[in-house]
Amino acid sequence: MPKPKTWVRKEKIVFVGKCKYCKSEMTSEDSFIPIGKIVRGKYQYQNAHYKCVKENDHKPKINFDW
């Protein structure tokens, strides 16, 4: 028999950051993808809307966009 939960989940809406592609503000309620890379041994994240990443993947790649 499973134990009953002893904690209560609180609904919090948190500002996550700006979208890498459309530059609009994102909250924790939006569907987003954290895009990370390692710089000097530490992770740095940029977030992007799922929709923006999907649209960007369909564009033809000419040069790397580092």
N, C-alpha and C. Protein backbone atom coordinates (compact mmCIF):
# COMPACT_ATOMS: atom_id res chain seq x y z
N MET A 1 0.84 -1.18 0.00
CA MET A 1 0.00 0.00 0.00
C MET A 1 0.89 1.24 0.00
N PRO A 2 0.68 2.18 -0.96
CA PRO A 2 1.54 3.36 -1.03
C PRO A 2 1.29 4.32 0.13
N LYS A 3 2.35 5.02 0.50
CA LYS A 3 2.25 6.01 1.57
C LYS A 3 1.53 7.25 1.06
N PRO A 4 0.78 7.91 1.89
CA PRO A 4 0.17 9.19 1.47
C PRO A 4 1.23 10.27 1.40
N LYS A 5 1.03 11.22 0.51
CA LYS A 5 1.97 12.32 0.35
C LYS A 5 1.96 13.21 1.58
N THR A 6 3.15 13.61 1.99
CA THR A 6 3.26 14.47 3.16
C THR A 6 3.53 15.92 2.76
N TRP A 7 3.69 16.19 1.48
CA TRP A 7 3.97 17.54 1.03
C TRP A 7 2.84 18.01 0.13
N VAL A 8 2.70 19.31 0.01
CA VAL A 8 1.67 19.91 -0.82
C VAL A 8 2.36 20.67 -1.94
N ARG A 9 1.95 20.41 -3.16
CA ARG A 9 2.54 21.10 -4.31
C ARG A 9 1.94 22.49 -4.42
N LYS A 10 2.80 23.48 -4.48
CA LYS A 10 2.35 24.86 -4.62
C LYS A 10 2.45 25.27 -6.07
N GLU A 11 1.43 25.94 -6.55
CA GLU A 11 1.45 26.45 -7.92
C GLU A 11 2.23 27.75 -7.94
N LYS A 12 3.37 27.72 -8.60
CA LYS A 12 4.18 28.93 -8.74
C LYS A 12 4.42 29.18 -10.21
N ILE A 13 4.25 30.40 -10.62
CA ILE A 13 4.58 30.80 -11.98
C ILE A 13 5.87 31.62 -11.88
N VAL A 14 6.91 31.11 -12.53
CA VAL A 14 8.24 31.70 -12.41
C VAL A 14 8.68 32.23 -13.76
N PHE A 15 9.32 33.39 -13.77
CA PHE A 15 9.92 33.94 -14.97
C PHE A 15 11.16 33.11 -15.30
N VAL A 16 11.21 32.53 -16.50
CA VAL A 16 12.28 31.62 -16.88
C VAL A 16 13.39 32.36 -17.63
N GLY A 17 13.04 33.32 -18.44
CA GLY A 17 14.03 34.07 -19.22
C GLY A 17 13.43 34.49 -20.54
N LYS A 18 14.29 34.90 -21.46
CA LYS A 18 13.83 35.30 -22.79
C LYS A 18 14.13 34.19 -23.77
N CYS A 19 13.29 34.07 -24.77
CA CYS A 19 13.45 33.06 -25.81
C CYS A 19 14.67 33.40 -26.67
N LYS A 20 15.44 32.40 -27.01
CA LYS A 20 16.65 32.60 -27.81
C LYS A 20 16.31 33.10 -29.21
N TYR A 21 15.15 32.73 -29.74
CA TYR A 21 14.80 33.06 -31.12
C TYR A 21 13.88 34.26 -31.23
N CYS A 22 12.78 34.29 -30.49
CA CYS A 22 11.82 35.38 -30.66
C CYS A 22 11.99 36.49 -29.62
N LYS A 23 12.86 36.30 -28.65
CA LYS A 23 13.21 37.31 -27.62
C LYS A 23 12.05 37.73 -26.74
N SER A 24 10.96 36.95 -26.71
CA SER A 24 9.85 37.28 -25.81
C SER A 24 10.07 36.59 -24.46
N GLU A 25 9.44 37.12 -23.42
CA GLU A 25 9.60 36.58 -22.08
C GLU A 25 8.86 35.26 -21.95
N MET A 26 9.43 34.34 -21.14
CA MET A 26 8.81 33.04 -20.93
C MET A 26 8.58 32.82 -19.44
N THR A 27 7.51 32.11 -19.13
CA THR A 27 7.21 31.72 -17.77
C THR A 27 7.26 30.20 -17.67
N SER A 28 7.15 29.70 -16.46
CA SER A 28 7.21 28.26 -16.25
C SER A 28 6.00 27.53 -16.83
N GLU A 29 4.95 28.25 -17.20
CA GLU A 29 3.78 27.62 -17.79
C GLU A 29 3.94 27.37 -19.29
N ASP A 30 4.87 28.08 -19.95
CA ASP A 30 5.11 27.90 -21.38
C ASP A 30 5.86 26.59 -21.62
N SER A 31 5.68 26.03 -22.81
CA SER A 31 6.48 24.86 -23.17
C SER A 31 7.79 25.38 -23.76
N PHE A 32 8.89 25.03 -23.11
CA PHE A 32 10.19 25.53 -23.55
C PHE A 32 11.24 24.44 -23.46
N ILE A 33 12.35 24.69 -24.14
CA ILE A 33 13.46 23.75 -24.17
C ILE A 33 14.70 24.49 -23.66
N PRO A 34 15.36 23.96 -22.62
CA PRO A 34 16.63 24.57 -22.21
C PRO A 34 17.75 24.11 -23.13
N ILE A 35 18.46 25.05 -23.72
CA ILE A 35 19.57 24.74 -24.62
C ILE A 35 20.84 25.11 -23.87
N GLY A 36 21.68 24.12 -23.57
CA GLY A 36 22.85 24.36 -22.75
C GLY A 36 24.14 24.09 -23.47
N LYS A 37 25.19 24.75 -23.02
CA LYS A 37 26.53 24.48 -23.52
C LYS A 37 27.50 24.73 -22.38
N ILE A 38 28.68 24.15 -22.48
CA ILE A 38 29.68 24.29 -21.44
C ILE A 38 30.66 25.39 -21.83
N VAL A 39 30.81 26.39 -20.95
CA VAL A 39 31.75 27.48 -21.16
C VAL A 39 32.64 27.55 -19.92
N ARG A 40 33.92 27.36 -20.11
CA ARG A 40 34.91 27.38 -19.02
C ARG A 40 34.54 26.43 -17.89
N GLY A 41 34.08 25.25 -18.25
CA GLY A 41 33.77 24.23 -17.26
C GLY A 41 32.43 24.37 -16.57
N LYS A 42 31.62 25.34 -16.94
CA LYS A 42 30.30 25.53 -16.33
C LYS A 42 29.23 25.51 -17.41
N TYR A 43 28.06 25.00 -17.04
CA TYR A 43 26.94 25.00 -17.96
C TYR A 43 26.31 26.38 -18.02
N GLN A 44 25.99 26.82 -19.24
CA GLN A 44 25.21 28.05 -19.43
C GLN A 44 24.00 27.69 -20.29
N TYR A 45 22.84 28.10 -19.83
CA TYR A 45 21.61 27.75 -20.51
C TYR A 45 20.96 28.95 -21.16
N GLN A 46 20.38 28.71 -22.32
CA GLN A 46 19.46 29.64 -22.94
C GLN A 46 18.19 28.85 -23.18
N ASN A 47 17.06 29.46 -22.94
CA ASN A 47 15.79 28.79 -23.13
C ASN A 47 15.15 29.25 -24.43
N ALA A 48 14.36 28.37 -25.02
CA ALA A 48 13.64 28.71 -26.25
C ALA A 48 12.28 28.01 -26.23
N HIS A 49 11.28 28.68 -26.79
CA HIS A 49 9.97 28.05 -26.93
C HIS A 49 10.09 26.82 -27.82
N TYR A 50 9.31 25.82 -27.53
CA TYR A 50 9.29 24.60 -28.33
C TYR A 50 8.91 24.94 -29.78
N LYS A 51 7.94 25.84 -29.93
CA LYS A 51 7.47 26.23 -31.26
C LYS A 51 8.58 26.92 -32.06
N CYS A 52 9.34 27.79 -31.40
CA CYS A 52 10.43 28.52 -32.08
C CYS A 52 11.54 27.57 -32.52
N VAL A 53 11.87 26.59 -31.68
CA VAL A 53 12.91 25.62 -32.04
C VAL A 53 12.46 24.78 -33.22
N LYS A 54 11.20 24.38 -33.20
CA LYS A 54 10.66 23.56 -34.28
C LYS A 54 10.66 24.33 -35.60
N GLU A 55 10.29 25.62 -35.58
CA GLU A 55 10.30 26.44 -36.79
C GLU A 55 11.73 26.66 -37.29
N ASN A 56 12.68 26.84 -36.37
CA ASN A 56 14.06 27.07 -36.75
C ASN A 56 14.69 25.82 -37.37
N ASP A 57 14.27 24.64 -36.94
CA ASP A 57 14.80 23.39 -37.50
C ASP A 57 14.40 23.20 -38.96
N HIS A 58 13.28 23.78 -39.36
CA HIS A 58 12.81 23.63 -40.74
C HIS A 58 13.50 24.59 -41.71
N LYS A 59 14.17 25.62 -41.17
CA LYS A 59 14.87 26.56 -42.03
C LYS A 59 16.14 25.90 -42.58
N PRO A 60 16.50 26.21 -43.83
CA PRO A 60 17.75 25.64 -44.36
C PRO A 60 18.96 26.23 -43.66
N LYS A 61 19.93 25.38 -43.38
CA LYS A 61 21.15 25.80 -42.69
C LYS A 61 22.19 26.23 -43.70
N ILE A 62 22.67 27.47 -43.61
CA ILE A 62 23.70 27.97 -44.50
C ILE A 62 25.03 28.03 -43.76
N ASN A 63 25.07 28.70 -42.63
CA ASN A 63 26.25 28.80 -41.78
C ASN A 63 25.89 28.34 -40.39
N PHE A 64 26.89 27.93 -39.64
CA PHE A 64 26.64 27.58 -38.24
C PHE A 64 26.29 28.84 -37.48
N ASP A 65 25.34 28.72 -36.57
CA ASP A 65 24.84 29.86 -35.81
C ASP A 65 25.32 29.74 -34.38
N TRP A 66 26.62 29.73 -34.15
CA TRP A 66 27.17 29.58 -32.81
C TRP A 66 27.00 30.87 -32.10
